[in-house]
């Protein structure tokens, strides 16, 4: 197992222990202990995130990490899970940061629940960003209007070499 997998296993185990302790708590003292354990869990998660990102090297998979340290990464991977895509306001934050970013060359926004408005925001990034070489928008709801926005943005962008638009409903 990699260090990343190990840290996920540790976090899952810690979460299970805390859940079991909470189920056993009923007194005021137990509630205070629960609060203390939650603080410890947050600290462990912070440490785990640091391990996670150091293992990944220059890949970033967290909106918060990317917005804090936008020039520390070459690849931004914010793939949404099937039933829980990233929040659209988080994607907007990331896109605003990407407008000035000069290090990220690879952006993966697969299953991020992007629509025509999201495609327009991405188009605005592409018009001003000259470092993104790969963009994956697979499994979003960009539609024809979003496809037109992206096509128009490509007139101003010479750095993008690969654009994946599979299952984006652009026509």
Protein backbone atom coordinates (compact mmCIF):
# COMPACT_ATOMS: atom_id res chain seq x y z
CA UNK A 1 0.00 0.00 0.00
CA UNK A 2 1.13 3.50 -0.72
CA UNK A 3 1.44 6.18 1.94
CA UNK A 4 -1.72 7.77 0.56
CA UNK A 5 -3.72 4.55 0.95
CA UNK A 6 -2.32 4.05 4.44
CA UNK A 7 -3.34 7.55 5.51
CA UNK A 8 -6.87 6.99 4.16
CA UNK A 9 -7.12 3.71 6.11
CA UNK A 10 -5.92 5.44 9.28
CA UNK A 11 -8.46 8.24 8.86
CA UNK A 12 -11.28 5.77 8.23
CA UNK A 13 -10.31 3.80 11.34
CA UNK A 14 -10.16 6.94 13.44
CA UNK A 15 -13.57 8.05 12.15
CA UNK A 16 -15.01 4.63 13.10
CA UNK A 17 -13.57 4.85 16.62
CA UNK A 18 -14.96 8.35 17.11
CA UNK A 19 -18.38 7.28 15.87
CA UNK A 20 -18.40 4.35 18.30
CA UNK A 21 -17.34 6.58 21.19
CA UNK A 22 -20.05 9.08 20.34
CA UNK A 23 -22.65 6.30 20.36
CA UNK A 24 -21.53 5.36 23.88
CA UNK A 25 -21.55 8.91 25.21
CA UNK A 26 -24.45 10.22 27.24
CA UNK A 27 -22.97 12.33 30.02
CA UNK A 28 -21.69 15.92 29.87
CA UNK A 29 -18.13 14.62 30.37
CA UNK A 30 -18.52 12.23 27.45
CA UNK A 31 -19.70 15.08 25.25
CA UNK A 32 -16.57 17.08 26.17
CA UNK A 33 -14.43 14.04 25.35
CA UNK A 34 -16.26 13.76 22.03
CA UNK A 35 -15.43 17.40 21.29
CA UNK A 36 -11.76 16.79 22.14
CA UNK A 37 -11.68 13.72 19.90
CA UNK A 38 -13.14 15.72 17.02
CA UNK A 39 -10.36 18.29 17.44
CA UNK A 40 -7.79 15.49 17.35
CA UNK A 41 -9.44 14.06 14.25
CA UNK A 42 -9.23 17.43 12.49
CA UNK A 43 -5.54 17.62 13.36
CA UNK A 44 -4.96 14.09 12.05
CA UNK A 45 -6.79 14.99 8.84
CA UNK A 46 -4.59 18.07 8.38
CA UNK A 47 -1.47 15.93 8.84
CA UNK A 48 -2.90 13.29 6.53
CA UNK A 49 -3.59 15.94 3.87
CA UNK A 50 0.04 17.05 4.08
CA UNK A 51 1.18 13.45 3.63
CA UNK A 52 -1.33 12.95 0.82
CA UNK A 53 -0.13 15.99 -1.13
CA UNK A 54 3.54 15.24 -0.58
CA UNK A 55 2.97 11.71 -1.95
CA UNK A 56 1.18 13.08 -5.00
CA UNK A 57 4.02 15.42 -5.78
CA UNK A 58 2.76 18.16 -8.06
CA UNK A 59 -0.81 16.88 -8.36
CA UNK A 60 -3.54 18.69 -6.47
CA UNK A 61 -6.92 17.15 -5.74
CA UNK A 62 -8.33 19.65 -3.27
CA UNK A 63 -9.98 23.02 -3.87
CA UNK A 64 -8.70 24.36 -0.55
CA UNK A 65 -5.12 23.20 -1.16
CA UNK A 66 -5.09 24.65 -4.65
CA UNK A 67 -6.51 28.02 -3.60
CA UNK A 68 -3.96 28.27 -0.74
CA UNK A 69 -0.94 27.27 -2.82
CA UNK A 70 -1.91 27.77 -6.48
CA UNK A 71 1.62 27.84 -7.86
CA UNK A 72 2.73 24.66 -6.11
CA UNK A 73 1.04 22.30 -8.56
CA UNK A 74 1.36 21.24 -12.18
CA UNK A 75 -1.81 19.15 -12.31
CA UNK A 76 -5.25 19.95 -10.89
CA UNK A 77 -7.52 16.92 -10.59
CA UNK A 78 -10.99 17.69 -9.21
CA UNK A 79 -12.91 14.70 -10.54
CA UNK A 80 -16.36 14.54 -9.05
CA UNK A 81 -17.62 11.27 -7.66
CA UNK A 82 -20.70 9.83 -9.34
CA UNK A 83 -23.16 11.14 -6.74
CA UNK A 84 -21.15 13.96 -5.16
CA UNK A 85 -19.57 16.41 -7.58
CA UNK A 86 -17.60 19.35 -6.21
CA UNK A 87 -19.66 22.41 -5.33
CA UNK A 88 -20.04 24.84 -8.21
CA UNK A 89 -18.85 27.77 -6.07
CA UNK A 90 -15.65 25.80 -5.37
CA UNK A 91 -15.14 25.25 -9.08
CA UNK A 92 -15.67 28.98 -9.67
CA UNK A 93 -13.02 29.77 -7.03
CA UNK A 94 -10.57 27.42 -8.74
CA UNK A 95 -11.28 28.91 -12.17
CA UNK A 96 -10.67 32.43 -10.85
CA UNK A 97 -7.30 31.31 -9.49
CA UNK A 98 -6.45 29.58 -12.78
CA UNK A 99 -6.82 32.88 -14.64
CA UNK A 100 -3.54 34.06 -13.09
CA UNK A 101 -1.87 30.70 -12.56
CA UNK A 102 1.32 30.00 -14.52
CA UNK A 103 2.20 26.49 -13.28
CA UNK A 104 -0.80 24.20 -13.89
CA UNK A 105 -0.58 22.42 -17.24
CA UNK A 106 -3.15 19.65 -16.65
CA UNK A 107 -6.74 20.27 -15.49
CA UNK A 108 -9.23 17.44 -14.95
CA UNK A 109 -12.81 18.49 -14.14
CA UNK A 110 -14.51 15.20 -14.95
CA UNK A 111 -18.01 14.82 -13.43
CA UNK A 112 -17.99 18.28 -11.84
CA UNK A 113 -21.61 19.00 -12.78
CA UNK A 114 -20.54 21.84 -15.07
CA UNK A 115 -23.21 23.38 -17.26
CA UNK A 116 -23.17 26.10 -19.93
CA UNK A 117 -22.33 28.74 -17.31
CA UNK A 118 -19.39 26.63 -16.09
CA UNK A 119 -18.19 26.21 -19.68
CA UNK A 120 -18.31 29.99 -20.10
CA UNK A 121 -16.14 30.40 -16.97
CA UNK A 122 -13.68 27.82 -18.32
CA UNK A 123 -13.64 29.67 -21.64
CA UNK A 124 -12.69 32.87 -19.80
CA UNK A 125 -9.77 31.02 -18.20
CA UNK A 126 -8.62 29.66 -21.55
CA UNK A 127 -8.65 33.15 -23.05
CA UNK A 128 -6.05 34.41 -20.55
CA UNK A 129 -4.16 31.32 -19.32
CA UNK A 130 -1.21 30.28 -21.45
CA UNK A 131 0.02 27.26 -19.49
CA UNK A 132 -2.88 24.77 -19.56
CA UNK A 133 -2.03 22.08 -22.10
CA UNK A 134 -4.59 19.40 -21.16
CA UNK A 135 -8.23 19.91 -20.14
CA UNK A 136 -10.66 17.09 -19.36
CA UNK A 137 -14.34 18.08 -19.13
CA UNK A 138 -15.73 14.56 -19.57
CA UNK A 139 -19.19 13.78 -18.14
CA UNK A 140 -20.44 17.32 -17.63
CA UNK A 141 -23.57 19.03 -19.00
CA UNK A 142 -21.89 21.71 -21.08
CA UNK A 143 -24.39 21.61 -23.95
CA UNK A 144 -24.20 23.29 -27.35
CA UNK A 145 -23.94 26.82 -25.91
CA UNK A 146 -21.04 25.81 -23.67
CA UNK A 147 -19.34 24.11 -26.60
CA UNK A 148 -19.58 27.33 -28.60
CA UNK A 149 -18.08 29.31 -25.68
CA UNK A 150 -15.14 26.90 -25.51
CA UNK A 151 -14.61 26.96 -29.28
CA UNK A 152 -14.54 30.77 -29.28
CA UNK A 153 -12.02 30.81 -26.42
CA UNK A 154 -9.68 28.54 -28.36
CA UNK A 155 -9.21 31.35 -30.89
CA UNK A 156 -7.24 33.16 -28.16
CA UNK A 157 -5.44 30.15 -26.70
CA UNK A 158 -2.42 28.51 -28.31
CA UNK A 159 -1.23 26.44 -25.34
CA UNK A 160 -4.10 23.90 -25.05
CA UNK A 161 -3.12 20.74 -26.92
CA UNK A 162 -5.73 18.26 -25.64
CA UNK A 163 -9.40 18.87 -24.81
CA UNK A 164 -11.61 15.97 -23.78
CA UNK A 165 -15.34 16.56 -24.22
CA UNK A 166 -16.75 13.03 -24.02
CA UNK A 167 -20.34 12.89 -22.65
CA UNK A 168 -20.75 16.66 -22.45
CA UNK A 169 -23.99 16.98 -24.48
CA UNK A 170 -22.47 19.46 -26.93
CA UNK A 171 -24.17 17.85 -29.90
